[in-house]
Amino acid sequence: MVFRTIKKIKIILDYESSASFFKIVTDTPASVNLAGYATLTYWNSSGSVNTQSYQADGSSDDTFTMPGTGGGIIELSGLDANTWFIEADIRLSSSVSFSTPFTST
C-alpha cells in the first residue's frame, strides 16, 4: 500500500478585521501555480445579494488577492509539486467592482 502526503492549508479570515490586503503568492511563481475557484459574495444596502465566481487557470495564475474588505474561508491543497488547488468562499463587507482575484506575477 502506498500513502501519499497531501499538503493542505486552511485560512479563516475574520469578518471584523480589514482583510483587504490579504494576498497569497506561491513561493516560486515561475513554476508553482494555482488551480481552483473563488466565490465572492456581497450584500448591498438594499439587501440584494451579488455573487460572482472566478476560476484560477492552473497554468499561469500564481497570486490570489482579496478584492475588498471582508472575510471567509480559503483552502489550499497541494495537488502536485507545481500546483495548489484553491477553494475560496469570500464574503465582502464593502461594495467592490467584481474582478478576478487571480493574477500572474
C-alpha atoms as a PDB file:
ATOM      1  CA  MET A   1       0.000   0.000   0.000  1.00  0.00           C
ATOM      2  CA  VAL A   2       1.321   3.442  -0.947  1.00  0.00           C
ATOM      3  CA  PHE A   3       0.419   6.506   1.077  1.00  0.00           C
ATOM      4  CA  ARG A   4       0.762   9.911  -0.473  1.00  0.00           C
ATOM      5  CA  THR A   5       1.406  13.005   1.621  1.00  0.00           C
ATOM      6  CA  ILE A   6      -1.100  15.738   0.866  1.00  0.00           C
ATOM      7  CA  LYS A   7      -0.275  19.300   1.797  1.00  0.00           C
ATOM      8  CA  LYS A   8      -3.312  21.247   2.960  1.00  0.00           C
ATOM      9  CA  ILE A   9      -3.709  24.770   4.328  1.00  0.00           C
ATOM     10  CA  LYS A  10      -6.933  26.288   5.670  1.00  0.00           C
ATOM     11  CA  ILE A  11      -7.126  30.044   6.217  1.00  0.00           C
ATOM     12  CA  ILE A  12     -10.031  31.652   8.070  1.00  0.00           C
ATOM     13  CA  LEU A  13     -10.325  35.410   7.703  1.00  0.00           C
ATOM     14  CA  ASP A  14     -12.308  37.177  10.432  1.00  0.00           C
ATOM     15  CA  TYR A  15     -15.060  39.475   9.128  1.00  0.00           C
ATOM     16  CA  GLU A  16     -14.267  42.039  11.806  1.00  0.00           C
ATOM     17  CA  SER A  17     -10.762  42.684  10.569  1.00  0.00           C
ATOM     18  CA  SER A  18      -9.723  44.550   7.477  1.00  0.00           C
ATOM     19  CA  ALA A  19      -8.539  41.740   5.242  1.00  0.00           C
ATOM     20  CA  SER A  20      -8.419  43.797   2.085  1.00  0.00           C
ATOM     21  CA  PHE A  21      -4.653  43.410   1.814  1.00  0.00           C
ATOM     22  CA  PHE A  22      -4.604  39.647   2.199  1.00  0.00           C
ATOM     23  CA  LYS A  23      -2.603  38.009  -0.566  1.00  0.00           C
ATOM     24  CA  ILE A  24      -1.339  34.515  -1.374  1.00  0.00           C
ATOM     25  CA  VAL A  25       1.683  34.276  -3.656  1.00  0.00           C
ATOM     26  CA  THR A  26       3.308  30.961  -4.471  1.00  0.00           C
ATOM     27  CA  ASP A  27       6.958  30.739  -3.428  1.00  0.00           C
ATOM     28  CA  THR A  28       8.336  30.152  -6.904  1.00  0.00           C
ATOM     29  CA  PRO A  29       5.849  31.875  -9.215  1.00  0.00           C
ATOM     30  CA  ALA A  30       7.592  30.708 -12.384  1.00  0.00           C
ATOM     31  CA  SER A  31       6.862  27.065 -11.596  1.00  0.00           C
ATOM     32  CA  VAL A  32       4.104  26.853  -8.928  1.00  0.00           C
ATOM     33  CA  ASN A  33       0.556  27.860  -9.870  1.00  0.00           C
ATOM     34  CA  LEU A  34      -2.980  27.994  -8.527  1.00  0.00           C
ATOM     35  CA  ALA A  35      -5.884  25.957  -9.894  1.00  0.00           C
ATOM     36  CA  GLY A  36      -9.411  26.069  -8.476  1.00  0.00           C
ATOM     37  CA  TYR A  37     -12.002  28.740  -7.805  1.00  0.00           C
ATOM     38  CA  ALA A  38     -13.152  31.646  -5.660  1.00  0.00           C
ATOM     39  CA  THR A  39     -16.745  32.659  -4.950  1.00  0.00           C
ATOM     40  CA  LEU A  40     -17.197  36.301  -3.920  1.00  0.00           C
ATOM     41  CA  THR A  41     -20.431  37.484  -2.268  1.00  0.00           C
ATOM     42  CA  TYR A  42     -21.559  40.990  -1.318  1.00  0.00           C
ATOM     43  CA  TRP A  43     -24.867  42.124   0.192  1.00  0.00           C
ATOM     44  CA  ASN A  44     -25.713  45.661  -0.899  1.00  0.00           C
ATOM     45  CA  SER A  45     -27.657  48.238   1.153  1.00  0.00           C
ATOM     46  CA  SER A  46     -30.995  47.241  -0.403  1.00  0.00           C
ATOM     47  CA  GLY A  47     -30.484  43.670   0.818  1.00  0.00           C
ATOM     48  CA  SER A  48     -29.906  42.037  -2.539  1.00  0.00           C
ATOM     49  CA  VAL A  49     -27.051  39.584  -2.931  1.00  0.00           C
ATOM     50  CA  ASN A  50     -24.370  39.873  -5.583  1.00  0.00           C
ATOM     51  CA  THR A  51     -22.310  36.735  -6.188  1.00  0.00           C
ATOM     52  CA  GLN A  52     -19.584  36.053  -8.717  1.00  0.00           C
ATOM     53  CA  SER A  53     -17.336  33.017  -9.170  1.00  0.00           C
ATOM     54  CA  TYR A  54     -13.868  33.029 -10.710  1.00  0.00           C
ATOM     55  CA  GLN A  55     -11.552  30.231 -11.780  1.00  0.00           C
ATOM     56  CA  ALA A  56      -7.766  30.069 -11.457  1.00  0.00           C
ATOM     57  CA  ASP A  57      -6.297  28.782 -14.693  1.00  0.00           C
ATOM     58  CA  GLY A  58      -3.804  26.286 -13.236  1.00  0.00           C
ATOM     59  CA  SER A  59      -1.083  27.285 -15.666  1.00  0.00           C
ATOM     60  CA  SER A  60      -0.107  30.906 -15.016  1.00  0.00           C
ATOM     61  CA  ASP A  61      -2.121  32.229 -12.044  1.00  0.00           C
ATOM     62  CA  ASP A  62       0.184  32.323  -9.029  1.00  0.00           C
ATOM     63  CA  THR A  63      -1.405  35.052  -6.874  1.00  0.00           C
ATOM     64  CA  PHE A  64      -4.726  35.400  -5.004  1.00  0.00           C
ATOM     65  CA  THR A  65      -5.623  38.879  -3.707  1.00  0.00           C
ATOM     66  CA  MET A  66      -8.674  39.823  -1.646  1.00  0.00           C
ATOM     67  CA  PRO A  67     -10.733  42.185  -3.829  1.00  0.00           C
ATOM     68  CA  GLY A  68     -12.066  44.186  -0.875  1.00  0.00           C
ATOM     69  CA  THR A  69     -12.618  44.171   2.874  1.00  0.00           C
ATOM     70  CA  GLY A  70     -14.302  41.089   4.256  1.00  0.00           C
ATOM     71  CA  GLY A  71     -13.667  37.571   5.428  1.00  0.00           C
ATOM     72  CA  GLY A  72     -14.207  33.958   4.597  1.00  0.00           C
ATOM     73  CA  ILE A  73     -12.522  30.612   4.236  1.00  0.00           C
ATOM     74  CA  ILE A  74      -9.709  29.747   1.850  1.00  0.00           C
ATOM     75  CA  GLU A  75      -8.457  26.179   1.499  1.00  0.00           C
ATOM     76  CA  LEU A  76      -5.324  25.236  -0.399  1.00  0.00           C
ATOM     77  CA  SER A  77      -4.494  21.631  -1.272  1.00  0.00           C
ATOM     78  CA  GLY A  78      -1.210  20.590  -2.855  1.00  0.00           C
ATOM     79  CA  LEU A  79      -2.084  18.635  -5.992  1.00  0.00           C
ATOM     80  CA  ASP A  80       1.493  18.044  -7.045  1.00  0.00           C
ATOM     81  CA  ALA A  81       4.890  19.728  -6.872  1.00  0.00           C
ATOM     82  CA  ASN A  82       3.724  22.546  -9.157  1.00  0.00           C
ATOM     83  CA  THR A  83       0.046  23.160  -8.341  1.00  0.00           C
ATOM     84  CA  TRP A  84      -2.031  24.289  -5.363  1.00  0.00           C
ATOM     85  CA  PHE A  85      -5.810  23.799  -5.671  1.00  0.00           C
ATOM     86  CA  ILE A  86      -7.622  26.765  -4.100  1.00  0.00           C
ATOM     87  CA  GLU A  87     -11.208  26.847  -2.832  1.00  0.00           C
ATOM     88  CA  ALA A  88     -12.183  30.310  -1.586  1.00  0.00           C
ATOM     89  CA  ASP A  89     -15.565  31.395  -0.213  1.00  0.00           C
ATOM     90  CA  ILE A  90     -15.293  35.125   0.458  1.00  0.00           C
ATOM     91  CA  ARG A  91     -17.956  37.425   1.946  1.00  0.00           C
ATOM     92  CA  LEU A  92     -17.202  41.042   1.183  1.00  0.00           C
ATOM     93  CA  SER A  93     -18.255  43.729   3.646  1.00  0.00           C
ATOM     94  CA  SER A  94     -17.842  46.596   1.235  1.00  0.00           C
ATOM     95  CA  SER A  95     -19.016  47.252  -2.282  1.00  0.00           C
ATOM     96  CA  VAL A  96     -16.449  46.329  -4.899  1.00  0.00           C
ATOM     97  CA  SER A  97     -16.192  46.151  -8.630  1.00  0.00           C
ATOM     98  CA  PHE A  98     -16.064  42.414  -9.171  1.00  0.00           C
ATOM     99  CA  SER A  99     -12.941  41.252 -10.931  1.00  0.00           C
ATOM    100  CA  THR A 100     -10.877  38.103 -10.727  1.00  0.00           C
ATOM    101  CA  PRO A 101      -8.795  37.717  -7.564  1.00  0.00           C
ATOM    102  CA  PHE A 102      -6.334  35.520  -9.519  1.00  0.00           C
ATOM    103  CA  THR A 103      -3.384  37.020 -11.302  1.00  0.00           C
ATOM    104  CA  SER A 104       0.002  36.113 -12.672  1.00  0.00           C
ATOM    105  CA  THR A 105       3.115  37.865 -11.370  1.00  0.00           C
END
